[in-house]
Amino acid sequence: MSENSKELRQISLERLSSMHYRATNPEGASVEFGQGEGLMTPVELLLAAIAGCSSIDVDAATTRRTEPERFVVTAQGDKIVEDGAGRMDDIRMSFDLAFPDSEEGRKAAGMVERIVKLSHDKYCTVSRTVELGAAVTSTVVQQD
């Protein structure tokens, strides 16, 4: 792939019931979310997407050496409401990882800080999009 490329990514969203939705990708994988008991909210999904994106980068790099004994990532941020408009600010991630006490485990552990930084600076599309911003447009399809 060249240095610059453009690939379309998409999901479709279906309402299952009041405040309950399913997002499905073209391959058929889906996630349900919304507001209510047992459902993650869209803001929680945003945090999960940020943590998941960087986790994939760290996981892919470290598991070339060894399997982790513990791999827990926490993402949190502050929901700010200004003049009735909400947004997230100061999003933070914490990586709690442990590897076996072996040469390969120490090599994997030694990679984590560098991979987390590379993920933030270059590889994680989700956090880079949040930080850099992206245009969001909407259209409404009217049916007669």
C-alpha atoms as a PDB file:
ATOM      1  CA  MET A   1       0.000   0.000   0.000  1.00  0.00           C
ATOM      2  CA  SER A   2       1.299   3.498  -0.775  1.00  0.00           C
ATOM      3  CA  GLU A   3       2.051   6.127   1.842  1.00  0.00           C
ATOM      4  CA  ASN A   4      -1.322   7.713   1.147  1.00  0.00           C
ATOM      5  CA  SER A   5      -4.459   5.679   0.689  1.00  0.00           C
ATOM      6  CA  LYS A   6      -8.163   5.913   1.240  1.00  0.00           C
ATOM      7  CA  GLU A   7     -10.409   2.992   2.182  1.00  0.00           C
ATOM      8  CA  LEU A   8     -14.123   3.247   2.863  1.00  0.00           C
ATOM      9  CA  ARG A   9     -15.251   1.885   6.235  1.00  0.00           C
ATOM     10  CA  GLN A  10     -18.933   1.623   7.114  1.00  0.00           C
ATOM     11  CA  ILE A  11     -21.492   0.137   9.430  1.00  0.00           C
ATOM     12  CA  SER A  12     -25.266   0.029   9.284  1.00  0.00           C
ATOM     13  CA  LEU A  13     -27.295   0.802  12.376  1.00  0.00           C
ATOM     14  CA  GLU A  14     -30.693  -0.710  13.072  1.00  0.00           C
ATOM     15  CA  ARG A  15     -33.130   0.247  15.837  1.00  0.00           C
ATOM     16  CA  LEU A  16     -34.124  -2.864  17.773  1.00  0.00           C
ATOM     17  CA  SER A  17     -36.393  -1.127  20.279  1.00  0.00           C
ATOM     18  CA  SER A  18     -36.622   2.175  22.101  1.00  0.00           C
ATOM     19  CA  MET A  19     -33.029   3.361  22.789  1.00  0.00           C
ATOM     20  CA  HIS A  20     -31.598  -0.040  21.737  1.00  0.00           C
ATOM     21  CA  TYR A  21     -29.572  -0.368  18.525  1.00  0.00           C
ATOM     22  CA  ARG A  22     -27.407  -2.824  16.610  1.00  0.00           C
ATOM     23  CA  ALA A  23     -24.439  -1.720  14.515  1.00  0.00           C
ATOM     24  CA  THR A  24     -23.347  -4.249  11.877  1.00  0.00           C
ATOM     25  CA  ASN A  25     -20.308  -4.177   9.614  1.00  0.00           C
ATOM     26  CA  PRO A  26     -20.262  -5.539   6.034  1.00  0.00           C
ATOM     27  CA  GLU A  27     -18.795  -8.857   7.271  1.00  0.00           C
ATOM     28  CA  GLY A  28     -21.768  -9.356   9.605  1.00  0.00           C
ATOM     29  CA  ALA A  29     -20.094  -8.665  12.961  1.00  0.00           C
ATOM     30  CA  SER A  30     -22.356  -6.652  15.222  1.00  0.00           C
ATOM     31  CA  VAL A  31     -22.587  -4.924  18.577  1.00  0.00           C
ATOM     32  CA  GLU A  32     -25.701  -3.859  20.449  1.00  0.00           C
ATOM     33  CA  PHE A  33     -25.760  -0.634  22.437  1.00  0.00           C
ATOM     34  CA  GLY A  34     -27.984   2.206  23.550  1.00  0.00           C
ATOM     35  CA  GLN A  35     -29.408   3.422  26.826  1.00  0.00           C
ATOM     36  CA  GLY A  36     -30.751   1.046  29.409  1.00  0.00           C
ATOM     37  CA  GLU A  37     -29.846  -1.890  31.560  1.00  0.00           C
ATOM     38  CA  GLY A  38     -27.155  -4.115  30.092  1.00  0.00           C
ATOM     39  CA  LEU A  39     -26.288  -1.756  27.245  1.00  0.00           C
ATOM     40  CA  MET A  40     -23.153   0.282  26.672  1.00  0.00           C
ATOM     41  CA  THR A  41     -23.823   3.888  25.747  1.00  0.00           C
ATOM     42  CA  PRO A  42     -22.364   5.488  22.606  1.00  0.00           C
ATOM     43  CA  VAL A  43     -19.847   7.385  24.792  1.00  0.00           C
ATOM     44  CA  GLU A  44     -18.740   4.111  26.393  1.00  0.00           C
ATOM     45  CA  LEU A  45     -18.373   2.628  22.909  1.00  0.00           C
ATOM     46  CA  LEU A  46     -16.165   5.581  21.964  1.00  0.00           C
ATOM     47  CA  LEU A  47     -13.938   4.854  24.969  1.00  0.00           C
ATOM     48  CA  ALA A  48     -13.954   1.151  24.075  1.00  0.00           C
ATOM     49  CA  ALA A  49     -12.974   1.972  20.487  1.00  0.00           C
ATOM     50  CA  ILE A  50     -10.051   4.117  21.628  1.00  0.00           C
ATOM     51  CA  ALA A  51      -8.846   1.491  24.112  1.00  0.00           C
ATOM     52  CA  GLY A  52      -9.465  -1.330  21.664  1.00  0.00           C
ATOM     53  CA  CYS A  53      -7.545   0.327  18.858  1.00  0.00           C
ATOM     54  CA  SER A  54      -4.416   0.805  20.950  1.00  0.00           C
ATOM     55  CA  SER A  55      -4.852  -2.619  22.573  1.00  0.00           C
ATOM     56  CA  ILE A  56      -4.765  -4.290  19.161  1.00  0.00           C
ATOM     57  CA  ASP A  57      -1.484  -2.505  18.382  1.00  0.00           C
ATOM     58  CA  VAL A  58       0.093  -3.542  21.702  1.00  0.00           C
ATOM     59  CA  ASP A  59      -1.302  -7.078  21.497  1.00  0.00           C
ATOM     60  CA  ALA A  60      -0.066  -7.641  17.943  1.00  0.00           C
ATOM     61  CA  ALA A  61       3.456  -6.512  18.806  1.00  0.00           C
ATOM     62  CA  THR A  62       3.891  -8.200  22.187  1.00  0.00           C
ATOM     63  CA  THR A  63       2.313 -11.544  21.378  1.00  0.00           C
ATOM     64  CA  ARG A  64       4.979 -12.096  18.741  1.00  0.00           C
ATOM     65  CA  ARG A  65       7.151 -12.722  21.812  1.00  0.00           C
ATOM     66  CA  THR A  66       4.782 -14.324  24.317  1.00  0.00           C
ATOM     67  CA  GLU A  67       1.208 -14.426  25.587  1.00  0.00           C
ATOM     68  CA  PRO A  68       0.412 -11.917  28.337  1.00  0.00           C
ATOM     69  CA  GLU A  69      -0.570 -13.132  31.782  1.00  0.00           C
ATOM     70  CA  ARG A  70      -2.690 -10.004  32.310  1.00  0.00           C
ATOM     71  CA  PHE A  71      -3.932  -7.528  29.710  1.00  0.00           C
ATOM     72  CA  VAL A  72      -6.366  -4.922  31.047  1.00  0.00           C
ATOM     73  CA  VAL A  73      -6.799  -1.466  29.555  1.00  0.00           C
ATOM     74  CA  THR A  74      -8.949   1.180  31.192  1.00  0.00           C
ATOM     75  CA  ALA A  75     -10.198   4.185  29.228  1.00  0.00           C
ATOM     76  CA  GLN A  76     -11.861   7.107  30.928  1.00  0.00           C
ATOM     77  CA  GLY A  77     -12.619  10.726  30.244  1.00  0.00           C
ATOM     78  CA  ASP A  78     -14.601  13.668  31.473  1.00  0.00           C
ATOM     79  CA  LYS A  79     -17.999  14.391  29.952  1.00  0.00           C
ATOM     80  CA  ILE A  80     -18.313  18.153  29.654  1.00  0.00           C
ATOM     81  CA  VAL A  81     -21.615  19.935  29.052  1.00  0.00           C
ATOM     82  CA  GLU A  82     -21.345  23.543  27.916  1.00  0.00           C
ATOM     83  CA  ASP A  83     -24.456  25.515  26.996  1.00  0.00           C
ATOM     84  CA  GLY A  84     -26.359  22.228  26.754  1.00  0.00           C
ATOM     85  CA  ALA A  85     -23.881  20.639  24.322  1.00  0.00           C
ATOM     86  CA  GLY A  86     -21.940  17.581  25.488  1.00  0.00           C
ATOM     87  CA  ARG A  87     -18.470  16.388  24.556  1.00  0.00           C
ATOM     88  CA  MET A  88     -15.685  14.287  26.017  1.00  0.00           C
ATOM     89  CA  ASP A  89     -12.428  15.804  27.249  1.00  0.00           C
ATOM     90  CA  ASP A  90      -9.192  14.609  28.802  1.00  0.00           C
ATOM     91  CA  ILE A  91      -9.505  10.998  27.641  1.00  0.00           C
ATOM     92  CA  ARG A  92      -6.975   8.798  29.436  1.00  0.00           C
ATOM     93  CA  MET A  93      -5.909   5.196  29.034  1.00  0.00           C
ATOM     94  CA  SER A  94      -4.140   2.990  31.530  1.00  0.00           C
ATOM     95  CA  PHE A  95      -2.423  -0.212  30.390  1.00  0.00           C
ATOM     96  CA  ASP A  96      -2.096  -2.900  33.074  1.00  0.00           C
ATOM     97  CA  LEU A  97      -0.116  -5.705  31.484  1.00  0.00           C
ATOM     98  CA  ALA A  98       1.933  -8.568  32.873  1.00  0.00           C
ATOM     99  CA  PHE A  99       4.083 -11.045  30.999  1.00  0.00           C
ATOM    100  CA  PRO A 100       5.771 -14.293  32.051  1.00  0.00           C
ATOM    101  CA  ASP A 101       9.048 -14.056  33.968  1.00  0.00           C
ATOM    102  CA  SER A 102      11.111 -15.274  31.032  1.00  0.00           C
ATOM    103  CA  GLU A 103      13.423 -13.766  28.449  1.00  0.00           C
ATOM    104  CA  GLU A 104      10.558 -13.475  25.958  1.00  0.00           C
ATOM    105  CA  GLY A 105       8.265 -12.016  28.630  1.00  0.00           C
ATOM    106  CA  ARG A 106      10.819  -9.362  29.533  1.00  0.00           C
ATOM    107  CA  LYS A 107      11.252  -8.506  25.841  1.00  0.00           C
ATOM    108  CA  ALA A 108       7.486  -8.142  25.434  1.00  0.00           C
ATOM    109  CA  ALA A 109       7.220  -5.995  28.580  1.00  0.00           C
ATOM    110  CA  GLY A 110      10.080  -3.835  27.339  1.00  0.00           C
ATOM    111  CA  MET A 111       8.176  -3.047  24.133  1.00  0.00           C
ATOM    112  CA  VAL A 112       4.949  -1.825  25.727  1.00  0.00           C
ATOM    113  CA  GLU A 113       5.751   1.860  26.321  1.00  0.00           C
ATOM    114  CA  ARG A 114       7.177   2.284  22.812  1.00  0.00           C
ATOM    115  CA  ILE A 115       4.213   0.531  21.177  1.00  0.00           C
ATOM    116  CA  VAL A 116       1.682   2.554  23.210  1.00  0.00           C
ATOM    117  CA  LYS A 117       3.407   5.758  22.039  1.00  0.00           C
ATOM    118  CA  LEU A 118       3.543   4.567  18.406  1.00  0.00           C
ATOM    119  CA  SER A 119      -0.122   3.623  18.585  1.00  0.00           C
ATOM    120  CA  HIS A 120      -1.013   7.086  19.860  1.00  0.00           C
ATOM    121  CA  ASP A 121       1.228   8.952  17.426  1.00  0.00           C
ATOM    122  CA  LYS A 122       0.733   6.896  14.272  1.00  0.00           C
ATOM    123  CA  TYR A 123      -1.253   3.665  14.239  1.00  0.00           C
ATOM    124  CA  CYS A 124      -4.502   4.072  16.179  1.00  0.00           C
ATOM    125  CA  THR A 125      -6.977   5.509  13.699  1.00  0.00           C
ATOM    126  CA  VAL A 126      -9.613   6.021  16.389  1.00  0.00           C
ATOM    127  CA  SER A 127      -7.643   8.164  18.845  1.00  0.00           C
ATOM    128  CA  ARG A 128      -5.935  10.057  16.020  1.00  0.00           C
ATOM    129  CA  THR A 129      -9.349  10.892  14.534  1.00  0.00           C
ATOM    130  CA  VAL A 130     -10.654  12.075  17.904  1.00  0.00           C
ATOM    131  CA  GLU A 131      -7.583  14.254  18.476  1.00  0.00           C
ATOM    132  CA  LEU A 132      -7.305  15.652  14.953  1.00  0.00           C
ATOM    133  CA  GLY A 133     -11.031  15.912  14.291  1.00  0.00           C
ATOM    134  CA  ALA A 134     -13.009  14.786  11.275  1.00  0.00           C
ATOM    135  CA  ALA A 135     -15.925  16.297   9.437  1.00  0.00           C
ATOM    136  CA  VAL A 136     -19.241  14.645  10.257  1.00  0.00           C
ATOM    137  CA  THR A 137     -22.151  15.179   7.893  1.00  0.00           C
ATOM    138  CA  SER A 138     -25.683  13.771   7.865  1.00  0.00           C
ATOM    139  CA  THR A 139     -28.284  13.310   5.188  1.00  0.00           C
ATOM    140  CA  VAL A 140     -31.905  12.346   5.624  1.00  0.00           C
ATOM    141  CA  VAL A 141     -33.541   9.977   3.153  1.00  0.00           C
ATOM    142  CA  GLN A 142     -37.246  10.774   2.909  1.00  0.00           C
ATOM    143  CA  GLN A 143     -39.547   7.982   1.867  1.00  0.00           C
ATOM    144  CA  ASP A 144     -42.912   8.739   0.338  1.00  0.00           C
END
